[in-house]
């Protein structure tokens, strides 16, 4: 779970940190001024994927506890 949060914070830093554009240019070389408005969409995708993975881990732990209980 900590790894999920770390990756989400790292992606936020890459997208919105003042000097993150240097790393973002290496990771996404096809960007430019025309695609700069997509940054919030990228961040939303990162947060939604982190939420999906976090919920999946939580549900898997609940199922494992119910199996061990029976």
C-alpha atoms as a PDB file:
ATOM      1  CA  UNK A   1       0.000   0.000   0.000  1.00  0.00           C
ATOM      2  CA  UNK A   2       2.890   2.332   0.723  1.00  0.00           C
ATOM      3  CA  UNK A   3       4.296   1.620  -2.719  1.00  0.00           C
ATOM      4  CA  UNK A   4       0.999   2.654  -4.318  1.00  0.00           C
ATOM      5  CA  UNK A   5       0.984   5.955  -2.431  1.00  0.00           C
ATOM      6  CA  UNK A   6       4.652   6.540  -3.265  1.00  0.00           C
ATOM      7  CA  UNK A   7       4.054   6.008  -6.982  1.00  0.00           C
ATOM      8  CA  UNK A   8       1.035   8.329  -6.924  1.00  0.00           C
ATOM      9  CA  UNK A   9       3.019  11.098  -5.201  1.00  0.00           C
ATOM     10  CA  UNK A  10       5.919  10.562  -7.591  1.00  0.00           C
ATOM     11  CA  UNK A  11       3.628  10.893 -10.607  1.00  0.00           C
ATOM     12  CA  UNK A  12       2.121  14.052  -9.125  1.00  0.00           C
ATOM     13  CA  UNK A  13       5.623  15.472  -8.718  1.00  0.00           C
ATOM     14  CA  UNK A  14       6.515  14.580 -12.302  1.00  0.00           C
ATOM     15  CA  UNK A  15       3.401  16.265 -13.665  1.00  0.00           C
ATOM     16  CA  UNK A  16       3.150  19.380 -11.478  1.00  0.00           C
ATOM     17  CA  UNK A  17       6.517  19.989  -9.805  1.00  0.00           C
ATOM     18  CA  UNK A  18       8.167  23.157 -11.206  1.00  0.00           C
ATOM     19  CA  UNK A  19      11.160  21.277 -12.617  1.00  0.00           C
ATOM     20  CA  UNK A  20       9.247  18.063 -13.242  1.00  0.00           C
ATOM     21  CA  UNK A  21       8.833  19.050 -16.866  1.00  0.00           C
ATOM     22  CA  UNK A  22      12.443  17.999 -17.461  1.00  0.00           C
ATOM     23  CA  UNK A  23      11.676  14.445 -16.413  1.00  0.00           C
ATOM     24  CA  UNK A  24       8.268  14.557 -18.102  1.00  0.00           C
ATOM     25  CA  UNK A  25       9.954  15.526 -21.372  1.00  0.00           C
ATOM     26  CA  UNK A  26      12.111  12.419 -21.135  1.00  0.00           C
ATOM     27  CA  UNK A  27       9.155  10.168 -20.293  1.00  0.00           C
ATOM     28  CA  UNK A  28       6.690  11.803 -22.705  1.00  0.00           C
ATOM     29  CA  UNK A  29       8.765  13.223 -25.596  1.00  0.00           C
ATOM     30  CA  UNK A  30       5.721  13.787 -27.819  1.00  0.00           C
ATOM     31  CA  UNK A  31       4.320  16.556 -25.588  1.00  0.00           C
ATOM     32  CA  UNK A  32       4.385  20.261 -26.160  1.00  0.00           C
ATOM     33  CA  UNK A  33       2.445  23.434 -25.589  1.00  0.00           C
ATOM     34  CA  UNK A  34      -0.615  22.001 -27.317  1.00  0.00           C
ATOM     35  CA  UNK A  35      -0.740  19.067 -24.892  1.00  0.00           C
ATOM     36  CA  UNK A  36       0.041  20.955 -21.683  1.00  0.00           C
ATOM     37  CA  UNK A  37      -3.670  21.104 -20.823  1.00  0.00           C
ATOM     38  CA  UNK A  38      -3.670  17.292 -20.522  1.00  0.00           C
ATOM     39  CA  UNK A  39      -1.633  17.331 -17.297  1.00  0.00           C
ATOM     40  CA  UNK A  40      -4.713  17.267 -15.009  1.00  0.00           C
ATOM     41  CA  UNK A  41      -6.046  14.343 -17.018  1.00  0.00           C
ATOM     42  CA  UNK A  42      -2.774  12.457 -16.525  1.00  0.00           C
ATOM     43  CA  UNK A  43      -2.962  13.150 -12.791  1.00  0.00           C
ATOM     44  CA  UNK A  44      -6.571  11.955 -12.682  1.00  0.00           C
ATOM     45  CA  UNK A  45      -5.605   8.725 -14.403  1.00  0.00           C
ATOM     46  CA  UNK A  46      -2.796   8.195 -11.886  1.00  0.00           C
ATOM     47  CA  UNK A  47      -5.100   8.775  -8.912  1.00  0.00           C
ATOM     48  CA  UNK A  48      -7.880   6.588 -10.293  1.00  0.00           C
ATOM     49  CA  UNK A  49      -5.488   3.736 -11.005  1.00  0.00           C
ATOM     50  CA  UNK A  50      -4.045   4.047  -7.505  1.00  0.00           C
ATOM     51  CA  UNK A  51      -7.546   4.010  -6.044  1.00  0.00           C
ATOM     52  CA  UNK A  52      -8.452   0.891  -8.034  1.00  0.00           C
ATOM     53  CA  UNK A  53      -5.316  -0.938  -6.935  1.00  0.00           C
ATOM     54  CA  UNK A  54      -5.760   0.147  -3.307  1.00  0.00           C
ATOM     55  CA  UNK A  55      -9.371  -1.028  -3.228  1.00  0.00           C
ATOM     56  CA  UNK A  56      -8.418  -4.317  -4.862  1.00  0.00           C
ATOM     57  CA  UNK A  57      -5.736  -4.934  -2.239  1.00  0.00           C
ATOM     58  CA  UNK A  58      -8.209  -4.105   0.532  1.00  0.00           C
ATOM     59  CA  UNK A  59     -10.886  -6.447  -0.844  1.00  0.00           C
ATOM     60  CA  UNK A  60      -8.326  -9.232  -1.346  1.00  0.00           C
ATOM     61  CA  UNK A  61      -7.244  -8.900   2.308  1.00  0.00           C
ATOM     62  CA  UNK A  62     -10.880  -9.072   3.457  1.00  0.00           C
ATOM     63  CA  UNK A  63     -11.463 -12.212   1.399  1.00  0.00           C
ATOM     64  CA  UNK A  64      -8.308 -13.784   2.800  1.00  0.00           C
ATOM     65  CA  UNK A  65      -9.449 -13.024   6.362  1.00  0.00           C
ATOM     66  CA  UNK A  66     -12.880 -14.576   5.697  1.00  0.00           C
ATOM     67  CA  UNK A  67     -11.248 -17.722   4.297  1.00  0.00           C
ATOM     68  CA  UNK A  68      -8.999 -18.034   7.334  1.00  0.00           C
ATOM     69  CA  UNK A  69     -11.949 -17.468   9.675  1.00  0.00           C
ATOM     70  CA  UNK A  70     -13.909 -20.397   8.203  1.00  0.00           C
END
